[in-house]
C-alpha atoms as a PDB file:
ATOM      1  CA  UNK A   1      57.775  94.718 -45.978  1.00  0.00           C
ATOM      2  CA  UNK A   2      54.657  95.034 -45.524  1.00  0.00           C
ATOM      3  CA  UNK A   3      52.695  95.569 -42.291  1.00  0.00           C
ATOM      4  CA  UNK A   4      49.083  93.742 -42.042  1.00  0.00           C
ATOM      5  CA  UNK A   5      46.370  93.198 -44.560  1.00  0.00           C
ATOM      6  CA  UNK A   6      43.451  95.972 -45.664  1.00  0.00           C
ATOM      7  CA  UNK A   7      40.996  94.273 -47.596  1.00  0.00           C
ATOM      8  CA  UNK A   8      38.992  95.806 -50.662  1.00  0.00           C
ATOM      9  CA  UNK A   9      35.530  94.851 -50.509  1.00  0.00           C
ATOM     10  CA  UNK A  10      35.594  92.306 -53.587  1.00  0.00           C
ATOM     11  CA  UNK A  11      37.809  90.155 -50.844  1.00  0.00           C
ATOM     12  CA  UNK A  12      35.476  90.211 -48.417  1.00  0.00           C
ATOM     13  CA  UNK A  13      32.260  89.211 -50.296  1.00  0.00           C
ATOM     14  CA  UNK A  14      34.471  86.408 -52.049  1.00  0.00           C
ATOM     15  CA  UNK A  15      35.520  85.465 -48.598  1.00  0.00           C
ATOM     16  CA  UNK A  16      31.509  85.417 -47.331  1.00  0.00           C
ATOM     17  CA  UNK A  17      30.435  84.075 -50.132  1.00  0.00           C
ATOM     18  CA  UNK A  18      33.076  81.744 -50.945  1.00  0.00           C
ATOM     19  CA  UNK A  19      33.398  83.208 -54.567  1.00  0.00           C
ATOM     20  CA  UNK A  20      36.749  81.658 -56.404  1.00  0.00           C
ATOM     21  CA  UNK A  21      39.817  82.732 -54.881  1.00  0.00           C
ATOM     22  CA  UNK A  22      37.732  83.145 -51.500  1.00  0.00           C
ATOM     23  CA  UNK A  23      40.611  80.260 -50.005  1.00  0.00           C
ATOM     24  CA  UNK A  24      43.113  82.837 -50.146  1.00  0.00           C
ATOM     25  CA  UNK A  25      41.494  85.597 -48.468  1.00  0.00           C
ATOM     26  CA  UNK A  26      41.174  83.185 -45.860  1.00  0.00           C
ATOM     27  CA  UNK A  27      44.261  82.690 -45.462  1.00  0.00           C
ATOM     28  CA  UNK A  28      44.795  86.081 -44.599  1.00  0.00           C
ATOM     29  CA  UNK A  29      41.559  86.628 -42.992  1.00  0.00           C
ATOM     30  CA  UNK A  30      42.878  83.424 -40.495  1.00  0.00           C
ATOM     31  CA  UNK A  31      46.565  85.417 -39.728  1.00  0.00           C
ATOM     32  CA  UNK A  32      44.567  88.461 -38.367  1.00  0.00           C
ATOM     33  CA  UNK A  33      41.715  86.058 -37.012  1.00  0.00           C
ATOM     34  CA  UNK A  34      44.551  84.516 -34.625  1.00  0.00           C
ATOM     35  CA  UNK A  35      46.724  87.619 -33.813  1.00  0.00           C
ATOM     36  CA  UNK A  36      49.372  86.751 -36.465  1.00  0.00           C
ATOM     37  CA  UNK A  37      49.230  90.218 -38.269  1.00  0.00           C
ATOM     38  CA  UNK A  38      46.942  93.506 -38.615  1.00  0.00           C
ATOM     39  CA  UNK A  39      43.944  93.668 -40.964  1.00  0.00           C
ATOM     40  CA  UNK A  40      41.527  96.808 -42.021  1.00  0.00           C
ATOM     41  CA  UNK A  41      38.982  97.256 -43.284  1.00  0.00           C
ATOM     42  CA  UNK A  42      38.352 101.170 -44.424  1.00  0.00           C
ATOM     43  CA  UNK A  43      35.012 102.802 -43.569  1.00  0.00           C
ATOM     44  CA  UNK A  44      33.914 103.174 -47.348  1.00  0.00           C
ATOM     45  CA  UNK A  45      34.320  99.900 -47.871  1.00  0.00           C
ATOM     46  CA  UNK A  46      32.402  98.198 -44.960  1.00  0.00           C
ATOM     47  CA  UNK A  47      29.402 100.686 -45.963  1.00  0.00           C
ATOM     48  CA  UNK A  48      29.860  98.785 -49.741  1.00  0.00           C
ATOM     49  CA  UNK A  49      30.139  94.966 -47.789  1.00  0.00           C
ATOM     50  CA  UNK A  50      27.185  96.517 -46.113  1.00  0.00           C
ATOM     51  CA  UNK A  51      24.508  96.949 -48.604  1.00  0.00           C
ATOM     52  CA  UNK A  52      25.934  94.262 -50.782  1.00  0.00           C
ATOM     53  CA  UNK A  53      25.011  91.867 -48.401  1.00  0.00           C
ATOM     54  CA  UNK A  54      21.980  93.512 -47.583  1.00  0.00           C
ATOM     55  CA  UNK A  55      20.534  93.015 -51.262  1.00  0.00           C
ATOM     56  CA  UNK A  56      22.393  90.012 -51.875  1.00  0.00           C
ATOM     57  CA  UNK A  57      20.271  88.487 -48.899  1.00  0.00           C
ATOM     58  CA  UNK A  58      17.090  90.349 -49.540  1.00  0.00           C
ATOM     59  CA  UNK A  59      14.393  89.941 -51.753  1.00  0.00           C
ATOM     60  CA  UNK A  60      14.856  90.767 -55.397  1.00  0.00           C
ATOM     61  CA  UNK A  61      18.357  92.345 -55.196  1.00  0.00           C
ATOM     62  CA  UNK A  62      16.281  94.602 -52.189  1.00  0.00           C
ATOM     63  CA  UNK A  63      17.227  95.196 -48.751  1.00  0.00           C
ATOM     64  CA  UNK A  64      14.979  93.304 -45.970  1.00  0.00           C
ATOM     65  CA  UNK A  65      14.763  94.120 -42.602  1.00  0.00           C
ATOM     66  CA  UNK A  66      16.537  90.805 -42.112  1.00  0.00           C
ATOM     67  CA  UNK A  67      19.412  91.517 -44.788  1.00  0.00           C
ATOM     68  CA  UNK A  68      20.119  94.382 -43.292  1.00  0.00           C
ATOM     69  CA  UNK A  69      20.645  92.706 -39.866  1.00  0.00           C
ATOM     70  CA  UNK A  70      22.494  89.733 -41.634  1.00  0.00           C
ATOM     71  CA  UNK A  71      24.735  92.490 -43.094  1.00  0.00           C
ATOM     72  CA  UNK A  72      25.981  93.973 -39.751  1.00  0.00           C
ATOM     73  CA  UNK A  73      26.548  90.574 -38.565  1.00  0.00           C
ATOM     74  CA  UNK A  74      28.719  89.824 -41.064  1.00  0.00           C
ATOM     75  CA  UNK A  75      30.382  93.102 -40.481  1.00  0.00           C
ATOM     76  CA  UNK A  76      30.847  92.608 -36.513  1.00  0.00           C
ATOM     77  CA  UNK A  77      31.913  89.276 -37.162  1.00  0.00           C
ATOM     78  CA  UNK A  78      35.111  89.934 -38.969  1.00  0.00           C
ATOM     79  CA  UNK A  79      35.782  92.910 -36.223  1.00  0.00           C
ATOM     80  CA  UNK A  80      35.219  90.410 -33.187  1.00  0.00           C
ATOM     81  CA  UNK A  81      37.442  88.149 -34.899  1.00  0.00           C
ATOM     82  CA  UNK A  82      40.340  91.671 -35.397  1.00  0.00           C
ATOM     83  CA  UNK A  83      39.395  92.952 -38.938  1.00  0.00           C
ATOM     84  CA  UNK A  84      39.612  96.906 -37.724  1.00  0.00           C
ATOM     85  CA  UNK A  85      37.424  99.501 -39.777  1.00  0.00           C
ATOM     86  CA  UNK A  86      39.585 102.512 -40.223  1.00  0.00           C
ATOM     87  CA  UNK A  87      38.765 105.762 -41.388  1.00  0.00           C
ATOM     88  CA  UNK A  88      41.506 106.430 -44.388  1.00  0.00           C
ATOM     89  CA  UNK A  89      43.046 110.167 -45.083  1.00  0.00           C
ATOM     90  CA  UNK A  90      40.781 111.673 -47.436  1.00  0.00           C
ATOM     91  CA  UNK A  91      43.011 113.590 -48.376  1.00  0.00           C
ATOM     92  CA  UNK A  92      45.326 110.963 -49.780  1.00  0.00           C
ATOM     93  CA  UNK A  93      42.145 108.784 -51.121  1.00  0.00           C
ATOM     94  CA  UNK A  94      41.466 112.047 -53.514  1.00  0.00           C
ATOM     95  CA  UNK A  95      44.803 112.096 -54.909  1.00  0.00           C
ATOM     96  CA  UNK A  96      44.473 108.361 -55.624  1.00  0.00           C
ATOM     97  CA  UNK A  97      40.602 108.601 -57.322  1.00  0.00           C
ATOM     98  CA  UNK A  98      42.387 112.028 -59.452  1.00  0.00           C
ATOM     99  CA  UNK A  99      45.169 109.999 -60.998  1.00  0.00           C
ATOM    100  CA  UNK A 100      42.833 107.406 -62.678  1.00  0.00           C
ATOM    101  CA  UNK A 101      39.621 105.396 -62.978  1.00  0.00           C
ATOM    102  CA  UNK A 102      40.134 103.415 -59.251  1.00  0.00           C
ATOM    103  CA  UNK A 103      36.424 103.648 -57.415  1.00  0.00           C
ATOM    104  CA  UNK A 104      36.057 105.881 -54.066  1.00  0.00           C
ATOM    105  CA  UNK A 105      36.164 103.118 -52.332  1.00  0.00           C
ATOM    106  CA  UNK A 106      39.068 101.500 -54.068  1.00  0.00           C
ATOM    107  CA  UNK A 107      41.049 104.970 -53.840  1.00  0.00           C
ATOM    108  CA  UNK A 108      40.694 104.543 -49.502  1.00  0.00           C
ATOM    109  CA  UNK A 109      41.155 101.221 -49.579  1.00  0.00           C
ATOM    110  CA  UNK A 110      44.654 101.897 -51.626  1.00  0.00           C
ATOM    111  CA  UNK A 111      44.952 104.906 -49.009  1.00  0.00           C
ATOM    112  CA  UNK A 112      44.876 103.316 -46.252  1.00  0.00           C
ATOM    113  CA  UNK A 113      47.218 100.332 -46.852  1.00  0.00           C
ATOM    114  CA  UNK A 114      50.154 103.250 -47.545  1.00  0.00           C
ATOM    115  CA  UNK A 115      49.233 104.793 -44.535  1.00  0.00           C
ATOM    116  CA  UNK A 116      49.322 101.450 -42.467  1.00  0.00           C
ATOM    117  CA  UNK A 117      52.380  99.975 -44.980  1.00  0.00           C
ATOM    118  CA  UNK A 118      49.971  97.374 -45.567  1.00  0.00           C
ATOM    119  CA  UNK A 119      49.319  94.722 -48.470  1.00  0.00           C
ATOM    120  CA  UNK A 120      46.182  95.888 -50.014  1.00  0.00           C
ATOM    121  CA  UNK A 121      44.068  92.079 -50.634  1.00  0.00           C
ATOM    122  CA  UNK A 122      42.092  92.780 -54.249  1.00  0.00           C
ATOM    123  CA  UNK A 123      40.742  90.994 -56.742  1.00  0.00           C
ATOM    124  CA  UNK A 124      40.764  90.867 -60.347  1.00  0.00           C
ATOM    125  CA  UNK A 125      40.310  94.467 -60.963  1.00  0.00           C
ATOM    126  CA  UNK A 126      42.304  96.431 -63.407  1.00  0.00           C
ATOM    127  CA  UNK A 127      41.885  99.756 -61.296  1.00  0.00           C
ATOM    128  CA  UNK A 128      44.845  98.086 -59.133  1.00  0.00           C
ATOM    129  CA  UNK A 129      47.424  97.900 -61.657  1.00  0.00           C
ATOM    130  CA  UNK A 130      48.799 101.788 -61.952  1.00  0.00           C
ATOM    131  CA  UNK A 131      48.309 103.177 -58.401  1.00  0.00           C
ATOM    132  CA  UNK A 132      50.025 106.506 -57.740  1.00  0.00           C
ATOM    133  CA  UNK A 133      51.105 105.139 -54.303  1.00  0.00           C
ATOM    134  CA  UNK A 134      53.794 102.547 -53.319  1.00  0.00           C
ATOM    135  CA  UNK A 135      51.714  99.936 -51.704  1.00  0.00           C
ATOM    136  CA  UNK A 136      51.489  96.294 -52.050  1.00  0.00           C
ATOM    137  CA  UNK A 137      48.687  94.679 -53.887  1.00  0.00           C
ATOM    138  CA  UNK A 138      47.988  90.853 -53.393  1.00  0.00           C
ATOM    139  CA  UNK A 139      45.300  89.609 -56.152  1.00  0.00           C
ATOM    140  CA  UNK A 140      43.689  86.928 -55.094  1.00  0.00           C
ATOM    141  CA  UNK A 141      42.166  85.750 -58.115  1.00  0.00           C
ATOM    142  CA  UNK A 142      43.023  86.327 -61.947  1.00  0.00           C
ATOM    143  CA  UNK A 143      39.661  87.062 -63.179  1.00  0.00           C
ATOM    144  CA  UNK A 144      36.390  88.599 -62.274  1.00  0.00           C
ATOM    145  CA  UNK A 145      33.484  87.140 -61.175  1.00  0.00           C
END
């Protein structure tokens, strides 16, 4: 049985922008927000969320001072509501990355989920099909956006 959730970047972006499957992410985040379970976001994934929000809210995919503040606000709001930003074991993340075509940020999420015995909440990305570590994976959607 897993202990909490680790959210990958795609899950948080889906939640923030009401993308397909955001309801499933919101359900798991609500468990975290009410203190029912632990929720985590790796520092690497937080960086991805930050720059994506800054770009999305900026001008022509370029960040602005205002969009950087928006990105910071969104990350801080998640933290205030109980999502903990954590560092993952860099060696373990590197081993996950070495095994396949997974992105480095996703490898960090896998490593943290493994360390915390948590369920990894991911989208439709096929990078999570075969992992070198035994991690519970919850897909909040079946197709990409």
